């Protein structure tokens, strides 16, 4: 049980990082388009 919770807690930062990168990439791309 504890190991499942630990693996879940280890999994959360991965989801957060991937979500953050997915959110930031369109903003960066939009910034590149507006700079053109």
PDB file of N, CA and C in Angstrom:
ATOM      1  N   UNK A   1       0.843  -1.207   0.000  1.00  0.00           N
ATOM      2  CA  UNK A   1       0.000   0.000   0.000  1.00  0.00           C
ATOM      3  C   UNK A   1       0.875   1.252   0.000  1.00  0.00           C
ATOM      4  N   UNK A   2       1.844   1.290   0.889  1.00  0.00           N
ATOM      5  CA  UNK A   2       2.712   2.473   0.967  1.00  0.00           C
ATOM      6  C   UNK A   2       3.502   2.653  -0.319  1.00  0.00           C
ATOM      7  N   UNK A   3       3.921   1.539  -0.925  1.00  0.00           N
ATOM      8  CA  UNK A   3       4.704   1.639  -2.156  1.00  0.00           C
ATOM      9  C   UNK A   3       3.828   2.185  -3.291  1.00  0.00           C
ATOM     10  N   UNK A   4       2.557   1.840  -3.301  1.00  0.00           N
ATOM     11  CA  UNK A   4       1.657   2.358  -4.333  1.00  0.00           C
ATOM     12  C   UNK A   4       1.481   3.861  -4.184  1.00  0.00           C
ATOM     13  N   UNK A   5       1.352   4.308  -2.931  1.00  0.00           N
ATOM     14  CA  UNK A   5       1.227   5.744  -2.674  1.00  0.00           C
ATOM     15  C   UNK A   5       2.507   6.456  -3.087  1.00  0.00           C
ATOM     16  N   UNK A   6       3.659   5.859  -2.776  1.00  0.00           N
ATOM     17  CA  UNK A   6       4.937   6.473  -3.121  1.00  0.00           C
ATOM     18  C   UNK A   6       5.094   6.576  -4.628  1.00  0.00           C
ATOM     19  N   UNK A   7       4.712   5.521  -5.342  1.00  0.00           N
ATOM     20  CA  UNK A   7       4.833   5.557  -6.799  1.00  0.00           C
ATOM     21  C   UNK A   7       3.880   6.602  -7.382  1.00  0.00           C
ATOM     22  N   UNK A   8       2.716   6.746  -6.768  1.00  0.00           N
ATOM     23  CA  UNK A   8       1.779   7.766  -7.217  1.00  0.00           C
ATOM     24  C   UNK A   8       2.344   9.161  -6.989  1.00  0.00           C
ATOM     25  N   UNK A   9       2.961   9.370  -5.812  1.00  0.00           N
ATOM     26  CA  UNK A   9       3.569  10.672  -5.524  1.00  0.00           C
ATOM     27  C   UNK A   9       4.742  10.941  -6.460  1.00  0.00           C
ATOM     28  N   UNK A  10       5.447   9.895  -6.849  1.00  0.00           N
ATOM     29  CA  UNK A  10       6.550  10.067  -7.804  1.00  0.00           C
ATOM     30  C   UNK A  10       6.009  10.397  -9.190  1.00  0.00           C
ATOM     31  N   UNK A  11       4.783   9.962  -9.471  1.00  0.00           N
ATOM     32  CA  UNK A  11       4.192  10.146 -10.793  1.00  0.00           C
ATOM     33  C   UNK A  11       3.628  11.552 -10.970  1.00  0.00           C
ATOM     34  N   UNK A  12       3.214  12.189  -9.886  1.00  0.00           N
ATOM     35  CA  UNK A  12       2.595  13.518  -9.965  1.00  0.00           C
ATOM     36  C   UNK A  12       3.518  14.565 -10.592  1.00  0.00           C
ATOM     37  N   UNK A  13       4.796  14.698 -10.181  1.00  0.00           N
ATOM     38  CA  UNK A  13       5.659  15.708 -10.805  1.00  0.00           C
ATOM     39  C   UNK A  13       5.821  15.481 -12.305  1.00  0.00           C
ATOM     40  N   UNK A  14       5.812  14.219 -12.736  1.00  0.00           N
ATOM     41  CA  UNK A  14       5.938  13.929 -14.162  1.00  0.00           C
ATOM     42  C   UNK A  14       4.736  14.482 -14.925  1.00  0.00           C
ATOM     43  N   UNK A  15       3.555  14.274 -14.371  1.00  0.00           N
ATOM     44  CA  UNK A  15       2.340  14.790 -15.006  1.00  0.00           C
ATOM     45  C   UNK A  15       2.367  16.314 -15.011  1.00  0.00           C
ATOM     46  N   UNK A  16       2.786  16.893 -13.890  1.00  0.00           N
ATOM     47  CA  UNK A  16       2.810  18.351 -13.788  1.00  0.00           C
ATOM     48  C   UNK A  16       3.813  18.944 -14.776  1.00  0.00           C
ATOM     49  N   UNK A  17       4.984  18.309 -14.892  1.00  0.00           N
ATOM     50  CA  UNK A  17       6.008  18.829 -15.809  1.00  0.00           C
ATOM     51  C   UNK A  17       5.542  18.707 -17.257  1.00  0.00           C
ATOM     52  N   UNK A  18       4.938  17.575 -17.598  1.00  0.00           N
ATOM     53  CA  UNK A  18       4.482  17.398 -18.974  1.00  0.00           C
ATOM     54  C   UNK A  18       3.349  18.373 -19.282  1.00  0.00           C
ATOM     55  N   UNK A  19       2.465  18.605 -18.314  1.00  0.00           N
ATOM     56  CA  UNK A  19       1.384  19.561 -18.503  1.00  0.00           C
ATOM     57  C   UNK A  19       1.938  20.974 -18.658  1.00  0.00           C
ATOM     58  N   UNK A  20       2.924  21.309 -17.840  1.00  0.00           N
ATOM     59  CA  UNK A  20       3.524  22.642 -17.907  1.00  0.00           C
ATOM     60  C   UNK A  20       4.206  22.849 -19.260  1.00  0.00           C
ATOM     61  N   UNK A  21       4.891  21.832 -19.761  1.00  0.00           N
ATOM     62  CA  UNK A  21       5.571  21.969 -21.049  1.00  0.00           C
ATOM     63  C   UNK A  21       4.538  22.082 -22.168  1.00  0.00           C
ATOM     64  N   UNK A  22       3.437  21.342 -22.066  1.00  0.00           N
ATOM     65  CA  UNK A  22       2.390  21.427 -23.091  1.00  0.00           C
ATOM     66  C   UNK A  22       1.735  22.802 -23.082  1.00  0.00           C
ATOM     67  N   UNK A  23       1.618  23.398 -21.905  1.00  0.00           N
ATOM     68  CA  UNK A  23       1.002  24.714 -21.803  1.00  0.00           C
ATOM     69  C   UNK A  23       1.966  25.802 -22.292  1.00  0.00           C
ATOM     70  N   UNK A  24       3.239  25.661 -21.955  1.00  0.00           N
ATOM     71  CA  UNK A  24       4.194  26.727 -22.273  1.00  0.00           C
ATOM     72  C   UNK A  24       4.576  26.731 -23.752  1.00  0.00           C
ATOM     73  N   UNK A  25       4.563  25.565 -24.402  1.00  0.00           N
ATOM     74  CA  UNK A  25       4.973  25.518 -25.805  1.00  0.00           C
ATOM     75  C   UNK A  25       4.045  26.330 -26.721  1.00  0.00           C
ATOM     76  N   UNK A  26       2.732  26.188 -26.611  1.00  0.00           N
ATOM     77  CA  UNK A  26       1.865  27.021 -27.456  1.00  0.00           C
ATOM     78  C   UNK A  26       2.063  28.505 -27.200  1.00  0.00           C
ATOM     79  N   UNK A  27       2.301  28.893 -25.958  1.00  0.00           N
ATOM     80  CA  UNK A  27       2.534  30.305 -25.664  1.00  0.00           C
ATOM     81  C   UNK A  27       3.812  30.777 -26.341  1.00  0.00           C
ATOM     82  N   UNK A  28       4.852  29.942 -26.305  1.00  0.00           N
ATOM     83  CA  UNK A  28       6.112  30.310 -26.957  1.00  0.00           C
ATOM     84  C   UNK A  28       5.908  30.399 -28.461  1.00  0.00           C
ATOM     85  N   UNK A  29       5.168  29.463 -29.020  1.00  0.00           N
ATOM     86  CA  UNK A  29       4.915  29.468 -30.453  1.00  0.00           C
ATOM     87  C   UNK A  29       4.094  30.693 -30.832  1.00  0.00           C
ATOM     88  N   UNK A  30       3.123  31.033 -30.008  1.00  0.00           N
ATOM     89  CA  UNK A  30       2.296  32.207 -30.273  1.00  0.00           C
ATOM     90  C   UNK A  30       3.147  33.468 -30.209  1.00  0.00           C
ATOM     91  N   UNK A  31       4.088  33.495 -29.277  1.00  0.00           N
ATOM     92  CA  UNK A  31       4.983  34.649 -29.148  1.00  0.00           C
ATOM     93  C   UNK A  31       5.853  34.772 -30.404  1.00  0.00           C
ATOM     94  N   UNK A  32       6.310  33.620 -30.936  1.00  0.00           N
ATOM     95  CA  UNK A  32       7.116  33.645 -32.156  1.00  0.00           C
ATOM     96  C   UNK A  32       6.301  34.175 -33.329  1.00  0.00           C
ATOM     97  N   UNK A  33       5.034  33.776 -33.389  1.00  0.00           N
ATOM     98  CA  UNK A  33       4.171  34.223 -34.499  1.00  0.00           C
ATOM     99  C   UNK A  33       3.931  35.726 -34.410  1.00  0.00           C
ATOM    100  N   UNK A  34       3.667  36.220 -33.201  1.00  0.00           N
ATOM    101  CA  UNK A  34       3.387  37.647 -33.057  1.00  0.00           C
ATOM    102  C   UNK A  34       4.649  38.471 -33.285  1.00  0.00           C
ATOM    103  N   UNK A  35       5.835  37.889 -33.003  1.00  0.00           N
ATOM    104  CA  UNK A  35       7.072  38.606 -33.263  1.00  0.00           C
ATOM    105  C   UNK A  35       7.340  38.719 -34.767  1.00  0.00           C
ATOM    106  N   UNK A  36       6.798  37.781 -35.542  1.00  0.00           N
ATOM    107  CA  UNK A  36       6.953  37.861 -36.989  1.00  0.00           C
ATOM    108  C   UNK A  36       6.116  39.035 -37.508  1.00  0.00           C
TER     109      UNK A  36
END
